[in-house]
Every structure is written in C-alpha cells, then in structure tokens.
Amino acid sequence: MGFGSTAKKLQKVTEYAEQLYERFEKLRNEVDALRTTVEDTNDRVETLERQLAEQRALVEALAEQDGVDVEAAVEDAATAPEAAADGGSQAE
C-alpha cells in the first residue's frame, strides 16, 4: 500500500513539473517576442532620429539662406506654448 501512495505522489509531482515546464516555455517565448519587438522599436527610433537630424540640417540651411536667425526661431517656438497657456497676456 505504501508503493501506491508513493506512485500517486510521484505522478502528481511529475504532472506539476510538466505544467511548470509548459509555463516556463510559454514565458520564454513571450520574452523572446518582447525582445524582438524592443529591438525593432529601437531600430525604428534610430532611423527616425537620423531622419530628423537630416531634416533639421536641411531646414537650418534653408533658413540661413533666407537670412532667418535659427536660434531665435527655435527660442520663439519654445516660448510660444507658454504664451498660449498664459492666454496671450504677454502680447498685450
């Protein structure tokens, strides 16, 4: 009778180990998918940053050609949202 009880316990432990292994494999697959997504997103961000830098250089070159002070334009653009939030009271 002792062997039957031991066999049942071993069967339960084996089933639990199989369930744990299945969960582990599922989690590993999810982590791999997440890693791939993060790498893809990183690649896209790098591409966008590079394109933005190229566009900024072009816009600055065009602005300087037309005699626009790029630094002043950037400062004006940065303060414009603040002025709008104040209700435009600075313009009055």
N, C-alpha and C. Protein backbone atom coordinates (compact mmCIF):
# COMPACT_ATOMS: atom_id res chain seq x y z
N MET A 1 0.82 -1.18 0.00
CA MET A 1 0.00 0.00 0.00
C MET A 1 0.87 1.25 0.00
N GLY A 2 2.05 1.18 0.57
CA GLY A 2 2.95 2.31 0.60
C GLY A 2 3.43 2.68 -0.79
N PHE A 3 3.59 1.67 -1.65
CA PHE A 3 4.06 1.95 -3.01
C PHE A 3 3.00 2.67 -3.84
N GLY A 4 1.75 2.35 -3.63
CA GLY A 4 0.66 3.01 -4.36
C GLY A 4 0.60 4.48 -4.02
N SER A 5 0.76 4.78 -2.75
CA SER A 5 0.74 6.17 -2.30
C SER A 5 1.93 6.94 -2.87
N THR A 6 3.09 6.28 -2.88
CA THR A 6 4.29 6.91 -3.43
C THR A 6 4.15 7.13 -4.92
N ALA A 7 3.56 6.18 -5.61
CA ALA A 7 3.36 6.31 -7.06
C ALA A 7 2.43 7.47 -7.36
N LYS A 8 1.37 7.64 -6.57
CA LYS A 8 0.45 8.76 -6.77
C LYS A 8 1.16 10.09 -6.54
N LYS A 9 1.97 10.14 -5.50
CA LYS A 9 2.70 11.37 -5.20
C LYS A 9 3.68 11.70 -6.33
N LEU A 10 4.37 10.66 -6.81
CA LEU A 10 5.30 10.87 -7.93
C LEU A 10 4.56 11.34 -9.18
N GLN A 11 3.39 10.78 -9.42
CA GLN A 11 2.59 11.19 -10.57
C GLN A 11 2.19 12.65 -10.44
N LYS A 12 1.78 13.07 -9.25
CA LYS A 12 1.40 14.47 -9.03
C LYS A 12 2.60 15.39 -9.23
N VAL A 13 3.75 14.99 -8.71
CA VAL A 13 4.96 15.80 -8.87
C VAL A 13 5.33 15.90 -10.35
N THR A 14 5.21 14.79 -11.07
CA THR A 14 5.52 14.78 -12.49
C THR A 14 4.57 15.70 -13.26
N GLU A 15 3.29 15.62 -12.96
CA GLU A 15 2.31 16.49 -13.62
C GLU A 15 2.60 17.96 -13.32
N TYR A 16 2.92 18.25 -12.07
CA TYR A 16 3.23 19.62 -11.68
C TYR A 16 4.48 20.11 -12.42
N ALA A 17 5.48 19.25 -12.53
CA ALA A 17 6.71 19.62 -13.24
C ALA A 17 6.42 19.89 -14.71
N GLU A 18 5.55 19.09 -15.32
CA GLU A 18 5.19 19.30 -16.72
C GLU A 18 4.46 20.62 -16.91
N GLN A 19 3.55 20.93 -15.99
CA GLN A 19 2.83 22.21 -16.06
C GLN A 19 3.80 23.38 -15.90
N LEU A 20 4.72 23.24 -14.98
CA LEU A 20 5.71 24.28 -14.75
C LEU A 20 6.58 24.48 -15.99
N TYR A 21 6.98 23.38 -16.61
CA TYR A 21 7.80 23.45 -17.81
C TYR A 21 7.04 24.12 -18.95
N GLU A 22 5.75 23.79 -19.11
CA GLU A 22 4.93 24.42 -20.15
C GLU A 22 4.82 25.92 -19.92
N ARG A 23 4.61 26.32 -18.66
CA ARG A 23 4.53 27.75 -18.35
C ARG A 23 5.86 28.44 -18.60
N PHE A 24 6.93 27.75 -18.25
CA PHE A 24 8.26 28.31 -18.48
C PHE A 24 8.52 28.53 -19.97
N GLU A 25 8.16 27.55 -20.79
CA GLU A 25 8.34 27.66 -22.24
C GLU A 25 7.50 28.80 -22.81
N LYS A 26 6.27 28.91 -22.33
CA LYS A 26 5.40 30.00 -22.79
C LYS A 26 6.01 31.35 -22.42
N LEU A 27 6.49 31.46 -21.21
CA LEU A 27 7.11 32.70 -20.75
C LEU A 27 8.37 33.01 -21.56
N ARG A 28 9.15 32.00 -21.85
CA ARG A 28 10.36 32.19 -22.65
C ARG A 28 10.00 32.71 -24.05
N ASN A 29 8.95 32.14 -24.64
CA ASN A 29 8.51 32.60 -25.96
C ASN A 29 8.03 34.05 -25.91
N GLU A 30 7.32 34.39 -24.85
CA GLU A 30 6.85 35.77 -24.70
C GLU A 30 8.02 36.73 -24.54
N VAL A 31 9.02 36.34 -23.78
CA VAL A 31 10.20 37.18 -23.59
C VAL A 31 10.95 37.34 -24.92
N ASP A 32 11.07 36.27 -25.68
CA ASP A 32 11.72 36.35 -26.99
C ASP A 32 10.96 37.30 -27.92
N ALA A 33 9.63 37.20 -27.91
CA ALA A 33 8.82 38.09 -28.74
C ALA A 33 8.98 39.53 -28.29
N LEU A 34 9.02 39.74 -27.00
CA LEU A 34 9.20 41.09 -26.46
C LEU A 34 10.56 41.65 -26.83
N ARG A 35 11.57 40.81 -26.76
CA ARG A 35 12.93 41.23 -27.13
C ARG A 35 12.97 41.65 -28.60
N THR A 36 12.32 40.87 -29.45
CA THR A 36 12.27 41.20 -30.87
C THR A 36 11.55 42.53 -31.09
N THR A 37 10.45 42.72 -30.39
CA THR A 37 9.70 43.97 -30.51
C THR A 37 10.54 45.16 -30.06
N VAL A 38 11.24 45.01 -28.97
CA VAL A 38 12.09 46.09 -28.46
C VAL A 38 13.21 46.40 -29.46
N GLU A 39 13.82 45.38 -30.01
CA GLU A 39 14.89 45.60 -31.00
C GLU A 39 14.35 46.30 -32.24
N ASP A 40 13.17 45.88 -32.71
CA ASP A 40 12.55 46.52 -33.87
C ASP A 40 12.23 47.99 -33.57
N THR A 41 11.69 48.23 -32.39
CA THR A 41 11.36 49.60 -32.00
C THR A 41 12.61 50.44 -31.90
N ASN A 42 13.67 49.88 -31.36
CA ASN A 42 14.94 50.60 -31.25
C ASN A 42 15.46 50.97 -32.64
N ASP A 43 15.38 50.04 -33.57
CA ASP A 43 15.81 50.31 -34.95
C ASP A 43 14.99 51.44 -35.57
N ARG A 44 13.67 51.41 -35.33
CA ARG A 44 12.81 52.47 -35.88
C ARG A 44 13.14 53.82 -35.27
N VAL A 45 13.37 53.84 -33.97
CA VAL A 45 13.71 55.11 -33.30
C VAL A 45 15.02 55.66 -33.84
N GLU A 46 16.01 54.80 -34.01
CA GLU A 46 17.29 55.25 -34.56
C GLU A 46 17.11 55.83 -35.97
N THR A 47 16.28 55.17 -36.78
CA THR A 47 16.01 55.67 -38.13
C THR A 47 15.32 57.02 -38.08
N LEU A 48 14.33 57.15 -37.21
CA LEU A 48 13.61 58.43 -37.08
C LEU A 48 14.53 59.54 -36.58
N GLU A 49 15.39 59.22 -35.62
CA GLU A 49 16.33 60.23 -35.12
C GLU A 49 17.28 60.68 -36.22
N ARG A 50 17.75 59.75 -37.01
CA ARG A 50 18.66 60.09 -38.11
C ARG A 50 17.95 60.95 -39.14
N GLN A 51 16.72 60.57 -39.49
CA GLN A 51 15.95 61.35 -40.47
C GLN A 51 15.65 62.74 -39.93
N LEU A 52 15.33 62.83 -38.65
CA LEU A 52 15.05 64.13 -38.04
C LEU A 52 16.28 65.03 -38.07
N ALA A 53 17.44 64.46 -37.79
CA ALA A 53 18.68 65.24 -37.83
C ALA A 53 18.95 65.74 -39.25
N GLU A 54 18.70 64.89 -40.24
CA GLU A 54 18.89 65.29 -41.63
C GLU A 54 17.93 66.42 -42.00
N GLN A 55 16.67 66.28 -41.59
CA GLN A 55 15.67 67.31 -41.90
C GLN A 55 16.01 68.62 -41.20
N ARG A 56 16.46 68.52 -39.96
CA ARG A 56 16.83 69.74 -39.23
C ARG A 56 17.98 70.45 -39.93
N ALA A 57 18.96 69.69 -40.38
CA ALA A 57 20.10 70.29 -41.08
C ALA A 57 19.63 70.99 -42.36
N LEU A 58 18.72 70.36 -43.08
CA LEU A 58 18.19 70.97 -44.30
C LEU A 58 17.41 72.25 -44.00
N VAL A 59 16.55 72.19 -42.99
CA VAL A 59 15.75 73.36 -42.63
C VAL A 59 16.65 74.50 -42.17
N GLU A 60 17.66 74.18 -41.36
CA GLU A 60 18.58 75.22 -40.90
C GLU A 60 19.34 75.83 -42.07
N ALA A 61 19.76 75.00 -43.01
CA ALA A 61 20.48 75.52 -44.18
C ALA A 61 19.58 76.44 -45.00
N LEU A 62 18.34 76.03 -45.20
CA LEU A 62 17.39 76.87 -45.95
C LEU A 62 17.10 78.17 -45.20
N ALA A 63 16.95 78.08 -43.88
CA ALA A 63 16.67 79.27 -43.09
C ALA A 63 17.84 80.24 -43.15
N GLU A 64 19.04 79.73 -43.04
CA GLU A 64 20.21 80.61 -43.11
C GLU A 64 20.35 81.23 -44.49
N GLN A 65 19.96 80.50 -45.53
CA GLN A 65 19.98 81.04 -46.89
C GLN A 65 19.05 82.24 -47.01
N ASP A 66 17.92 82.16 -46.30
CA ASP A 66 16.93 83.23 -46.35
C ASP A 66 17.17 84.29 -45.28
N GLY A 67 18.27 84.16 -44.53
CA GLY A 67 18.61 85.15 -43.52
C GLY A 67 17.81 85.03 -42.23
N VAL A 68 17.26 83.87 -41.97
CA VAL A 68 16.50 83.66 -40.74
C VAL A 68 17.45 83.24 -39.63
N ASP A 69 17.30 83.87 -38.46
CA ASP A 69 18.11 83.50 -37.30
C ASP A 69 17.51 82.23 -36.70
N VAL A 70 18.18 81.11 -36.92
CA VAL A 70 17.67 79.80 -36.49
C VAL A 70 17.53 79.74 -34.98
N GLU A 71 18.51 80.22 -34.25
CA GLU A 71 18.47 80.18 -32.78
C GLU A 71 17.25 80.95 -32.26
N ALA A 72 17.02 82.14 -32.81
CA ALA A 72 15.87 82.95 -32.37
C ALA A 72 14.56 82.26 -32.71
N ALA A 73 14.48 81.64 -33.87
CA ALA A 73 13.26 80.94 -34.27
C ALA A 73 12.98 79.77 -33.34
N VAL A 74 14.03 79.06 -32.94
CA VAL A 74 13.86 77.93 -32.02
C VAL A 74 13.38 78.43 -30.67
N GLU A 75 13.97 79.52 -30.18
CA GLU A 75 13.54 80.10 -28.90
C GLU A 75 12.09 80.56 -28.97
N ASP A 76 11.71 81.21 -30.07
CA ASP A 76 10.32 81.66 -30.23
C ASP A 76 9.37 80.47 -30.22
N ALA A 77 9.75 79.41 -30.89
CA ALA A 77 8.90 78.21 -30.93
C ALA A 77 8.77 77.59 -29.55
N ALA A 78 9.83 77.65 -28.76
CA ALA A 78 9.80 77.07 -27.42
C ALA A 78 8.93 77.89 -26.48
N THR A 79 8.90 79.20 -26.66
CA THR A 79 8.12 80.05 -25.76
C THR A 79 6.68 80.22 -26.23
N ALA A 80 6.37 79.87 -27.46
CA ALA A 80 5.01 80.02 -27.98
C ALA A 80 3.98 79.23 -27.17
N PRO A 81 4.23 77.98 -26.79
CA PRO A 81 3.24 77.26 -25.98
C PRO A 81 3.03 77.91 -24.62
N GLU A 82 4.08 78.49 -24.04
CA GLU A 82 3.94 79.17 -22.75
C GLU A 82 3.06 80.40 -22.89
N ALA A 83 3.24 81.15 -23.95
CA ALA A 83 2.43 82.34 -24.18
C ALA A 83 0.97 81.97 -24.40
N ALA A 84 0.73 80.88 -25.11
CA ALA A 84 -0.64 80.43 -25.35
C ALA A 84 -1.28 79.98 -24.05
N ALA A 85 -0.51 79.36 -23.17
CA ALA A 85 -1.04 78.91 -21.89
C ALA A 85 -1.38 80.10 -20.99
N ASP A 86 -0.66 81.20 -21.15
CA ASP A 86 -0.92 82.41 -20.37
C ASP A 86 -2.10 83.19 -20.93
N GLY A 87 -2.68 82.71 -21.99
CA GLY A 87 -3.79 83.41 -22.61
C GLY A 87 -3.35 84.55 -23.49
N GLY A 88 -2.08 84.55 -23.86
CA GLY A 88 -1.57 85.59 -24.73
C GLY A 88 -1.40 86.91 -24.01
N SER A 89 -1.34 86.91 -22.69
CA SER A 89 -1.24 88.16 -21.93
C SER A 89 0.07 88.88 -22.17
N GLN A 90 1.09 88.18 -22.61
CA GLN A 90 2.37 88.83 -22.86
C GLN A 90 2.31 89.69 -24.11
N ALA A 91 1.43 89.35 -25.05
CA ALA A 91 1.34 90.09 -26.29
C ALA A 91 0.60 91.40 -26.11
N GLU A 92 -0.16 91.52 -25.03
CA GLU A 92 -0.96 92.73 -24.82
C GLU A 92 -0.18 93.84 -24.24
